[in-house]
Amino acid sequence: MSIGFWQIAIVVILVVLLFGRGKISSLMGDVAKGIKSFKKGMAQDPTDDQAKNITENNDQTNNQDPNNKE
């Protein structure tokens, strides 16, 4: 037995009646933001981030005055 058009239509109508259009659209927007964030995170090279953080930390420690005792 396969799922027909009318069964899908009834389920969609019930979901819209229970949750409302606003709730469903906001949920879909949140899902889209999550997918974009995931893709952005996967596109970044973690070794570049680590090298950048190490360089920034070294610059901050080198710029401090060793004679200054605050």
N, C-alpha and C. Protein backbone atom coordinates (compact mmCIF):
# COMPACT_ATOMS: atom_id res chain seq x y z
N MET A 1 0.84 -1.17 0.00
CA MET A 1 0.00 0.00 0.00
C MET A 1 0.89 1.24 0.00
N SER A 2 0.64 2.13 -0.91
CA SER A 2 1.44 3.35 -0.99
C SER A 2 0.63 4.54 -0.47
N ILE A 3 1.35 5.57 -0.10
CA ILE A 3 0.70 6.77 0.41
C ILE A 3 0.24 7.59 -0.78
N GLY A 4 -1.02 7.94 -0.79
CA GLY A 4 -1.59 8.70 -1.89
C GLY A 4 -1.60 10.20 -1.62
N PHE A 5 -2.04 10.93 -2.61
CA PHE A 5 -2.08 12.39 -2.54
C PHE A 5 -3.00 12.86 -1.42
N TRP A 6 -4.16 12.20 -1.27
CA TRP A 6 -5.14 12.64 -0.29
C TRP A 6 -4.65 12.41 1.14
N GLN A 7 -3.94 11.34 1.38
CA GLN A 7 -3.39 11.11 2.71
C GLN A 7 -2.37 12.19 3.07
N ILE A 8 -1.51 12.54 2.12
CA ILE A 8 -0.52 13.60 2.36
C ILE A 8 -1.22 14.94 2.58
N ALA A 9 -2.25 15.23 1.80
CA ALA A 9 -2.98 16.49 1.93
C ALA A 9 -3.64 16.60 3.31
N ILE A 10 -4.22 15.51 3.79
CA ILE A 10 -4.87 15.52 5.10
C ILE A 10 -3.84 15.76 6.21
N VAL A 11 -2.70 15.11 6.12
CA VAL A 11 -1.66 15.30 7.13
C VAL A 11 -1.16 16.74 7.12
N VAL A 12 -0.96 17.32 5.94
CA VAL A 12 -0.50 18.71 5.84
C VAL A 12 -1.53 19.66 6.44
N ILE A 13 -2.78 19.44 6.15
CA ILE A 13 -3.84 20.29 6.70
C ILE A 13 -3.88 20.18 8.21
N LEU A 14 -3.77 18.99 8.74
CA LEU A 14 -3.77 18.81 10.19
C LEU A 14 -2.58 19.51 10.85
N VAL A 15 -1.41 19.40 10.24
CA VAL A 15 -0.21 20.05 10.79
C VAL A 15 -0.39 21.57 10.79
N VAL A 16 -0.91 22.12 9.70
CA VAL A 16 -1.13 23.57 9.62
C VAL A 16 -2.16 24.01 10.66
N LEU A 17 -3.21 23.23 10.84
CA LEU A 17 -4.22 23.59 11.84
C LEU A 17 -3.68 23.52 13.26
N LEU A 18 -2.83 22.54 13.54
CA LEU A 18 -2.29 22.39 14.89
C LEU A 18 -1.24 23.44 15.22
N PHE A 19 -0.32 23.70 14.31
CA PHE A 19 0.81 24.58 14.60
C PHE A 19 0.63 25.99 14.05
N GLY A 20 -0.16 26.18 13.04
CA GLY A 20 -0.33 27.49 12.44
C GLY A 20 0.77 27.79 11.43
N ARG A 21 0.44 28.66 10.48
CA ARG A 21 1.40 28.99 9.42
C ARG A 21 2.62 29.70 9.97
N GLY A 22 2.45 30.61 10.92
CA GLY A 22 3.57 31.38 11.46
C GLY A 22 4.60 30.52 12.13
N LYS A 23 4.14 29.56 12.92
CA LYS A 23 5.06 28.67 13.63
C LYS A 23 5.84 27.80 12.65
N ILE A 24 5.19 27.31 11.62
CA ILE A 24 5.86 26.45 10.64
C ILE A 24 6.88 27.26 9.85
N SER A 25 6.53 28.48 9.44
CA SER A 25 7.48 29.28 8.66
C SER A 25 8.69 29.69 9.49
N SER A 26 8.48 30.00 10.78
CA SER A 26 9.62 30.34 11.63
C SER A 26 10.51 29.12 11.86
N LEU A 27 9.90 27.96 11.97
CA LEU A 27 10.66 26.73 12.13
C LEU A 27 11.50 26.45 10.90
N MET A 28 10.93 26.65 9.72
CA MET A 28 11.67 26.43 8.48
C MET A 28 12.82 27.44 8.35
N GLY A 29 12.58 28.68 8.80
CA GLY A 29 13.64 29.68 8.78
C GLY A 29 14.79 29.30 9.70
N ASP A 30 14.48 28.75 10.87
CA ASP A 30 15.51 28.30 11.80
C ASP A 30 16.29 27.13 11.22
N VAL A 31 15.60 26.23 10.55
CA VAL A 31 16.27 25.09 9.92
C VAL A 31 17.23 25.58 8.83
N ALA A 32 16.80 26.55 8.04
CA ALA A 32 17.65 27.10 6.98
C ALA A 32 18.88 27.77 7.56
N LYS A 33 18.72 28.52 8.66
CA LYS A 33 19.87 29.17 9.30
C LYS A 33 20.85 28.13 9.83
N GLY A 34 20.32 27.06 10.38
CA GLY A 34 21.18 25.99 10.88
C GLY A 34 21.97 25.32 9.77
N ILE A 35 21.33 25.09 8.65
CA ILE A 35 22.02 24.47 7.52
C ILE A 35 23.11 25.40 6.99
N LYS A 36 22.82 26.70 6.89
CA LYS A 36 23.82 27.67 6.42
C LYS A 36 25.01 27.73 7.37
N SER A 37 24.74 27.73 8.67
CA SER A 37 25.82 27.76 9.66
C SER A 37 26.67 26.50 9.57
N PHE A 38 26.03 25.38 9.39
CA PHE A 38 26.75 24.12 9.26
C PHE A 38 27.65 24.13 8.04
N LYS A 39 27.12 24.58 6.90
CA LYS A 39 27.92 24.63 5.68
C LYS A 39 29.08 25.60 5.82
N LYS A 40 28.84 26.73 6.48
CA LYS A 40 29.90 27.72 6.69
C LYS A 40 30.99 27.13 7.59
N GLY A 41 30.59 26.42 8.62
CA GLY A 41 31.55 25.79 9.51
C GLY A 41 32.35 24.71 8.82
N MET A 42 31.72 23.97 7.94
CA MET A 42 32.43 22.91 7.22
C MET A 42 33.37 23.49 6.17
N ALA A 43 33.07 24.69 5.66
CA ALA A 43 33.90 25.29 4.62
C ALA A 43 35.18 25.89 5.20
N GLN A 44 35.16 26.26 6.48
CA GLN A 44 36.34 26.86 7.10
C GLN A 44 37.37 25.79 7.39
N ASP A 45 38.64 26.17 7.20
CA ASP A 45 39.74 25.26 7.48
C ASP A 45 40.16 25.45 8.93
N PRO A 46 40.05 24.43 9.77
CA PRO A 46 40.36 24.61 11.19
C PRO A 46 41.82 24.94 11.44
N THR A 47 42.74 24.51 10.57
CA THR A 47 44.15 24.82 10.78
C THR A 47 44.42 26.30 10.59
N ASP A 48 43.67 26.97 9.70
CA ASP A 48 43.82 28.40 9.52
C ASP A 48 43.39 29.15 10.77
N ASP A 49 42.30 28.73 11.38
CA ASP A 49 41.80 29.37 12.59
C ASP A 49 42.78 29.21 13.74
N GLN A 50 43.35 28.02 13.88
CA GLN A 50 44.30 27.79 14.96
C GLN A 50 45.57 28.61 14.76
N ALA A 51 46.06 28.68 13.53
CA ALA A 51 47.25 29.48 13.25
C ALA A 51 46.99 30.95 13.51
N LYS A 52 45.82 31.44 13.17
CA LYS A 52 45.46 32.83 13.39
C LYS A 52 45.40 33.12 14.89
N ASN A 53 44.80 32.22 15.67
CA ASN A 53 44.70 32.42 17.12
C ASN A 53 46.08 32.42 17.77
N ILE A 54 46.96 31.54 17.32
CA ILE A 54 48.31 31.48 17.89
C ILE A 54 49.06 32.76 17.57
N THR A 55 48.93 33.25 16.34
CA THR A 55 49.61 34.48 15.95
C THR A 55 49.08 35.66 16.76
N GLU A 56 47.78 35.75 16.95
CA GLU A 56 47.20 36.85 17.73
C GLU A 56 47.67 36.80 19.17
N ASN A 57 47.75 35.62 19.76
CA ASN A 57 48.20 35.49 21.14
C ASN A 57 49.66 35.89 21.28
N ASN A 58 50.50 35.52 20.32
CA ASN A 58 51.91 35.88 20.36
C ASN A 58 52.07 37.39 20.22
N ASP A 59 51.28 38.03 19.37
CA ASP A 59 51.36 39.47 19.21
C ASP A 59 50.98 40.18 20.49
N GLN A 60 49.98 39.69 21.19
CA GLN A 60 49.53 40.33 22.42
C GLN A 60 50.58 40.20 23.52
N THR A 61 51.22 39.05 23.63
CA THR A 61 52.23 38.86 24.68
C THR A 61 53.50 39.62 24.35
N ASN A 62 53.85 39.77 23.07
CA ASN A 62 55.05 40.50 22.68
C ASN A 62 54.88 42.00 22.87
N ASN A 63 53.67 42.51 22.81
CA ASN A 63 53.43 43.94 22.94
C ASN A 63 53.39 44.39 24.39
N GLN A 64 53.34 43.48 25.34
CA GLN A 64 53.29 43.87 26.74
C GLN A 64 54.69 44.26 27.22
N ASP A 65 54.75 45.26 28.10
CA ASP A 65 56.02 45.74 28.65
C ASP A 65 56.40 44.85 29.84
N PRO A 66 57.52 44.15 29.77
CA PRO A 66 57.90 43.25 30.88
C PRO A 66 58.24 44.03 32.15
N ASN A 67 58.64 45.32 32.05
CA ASN A 67 58.98 46.11 33.23
C ASN A 67 57.75 46.68 33.91
N ASN A 68 56.63 46.68 33.24
CA ASN A 68 55.39 47.22 33.79
C ASN A 68 54.74 46.17 34.68
N LYS A 69 54.63 46.46 35.99
CA LYS A 69 54.09 45.49 36.93
C LYS A 69 52.75 45.96 37.46
N GLU A 70 51.74 45.84 36.63
CA GLU A 70 50.38 46.25 37.02
C GLU A 70 49.66 45.11 37.63
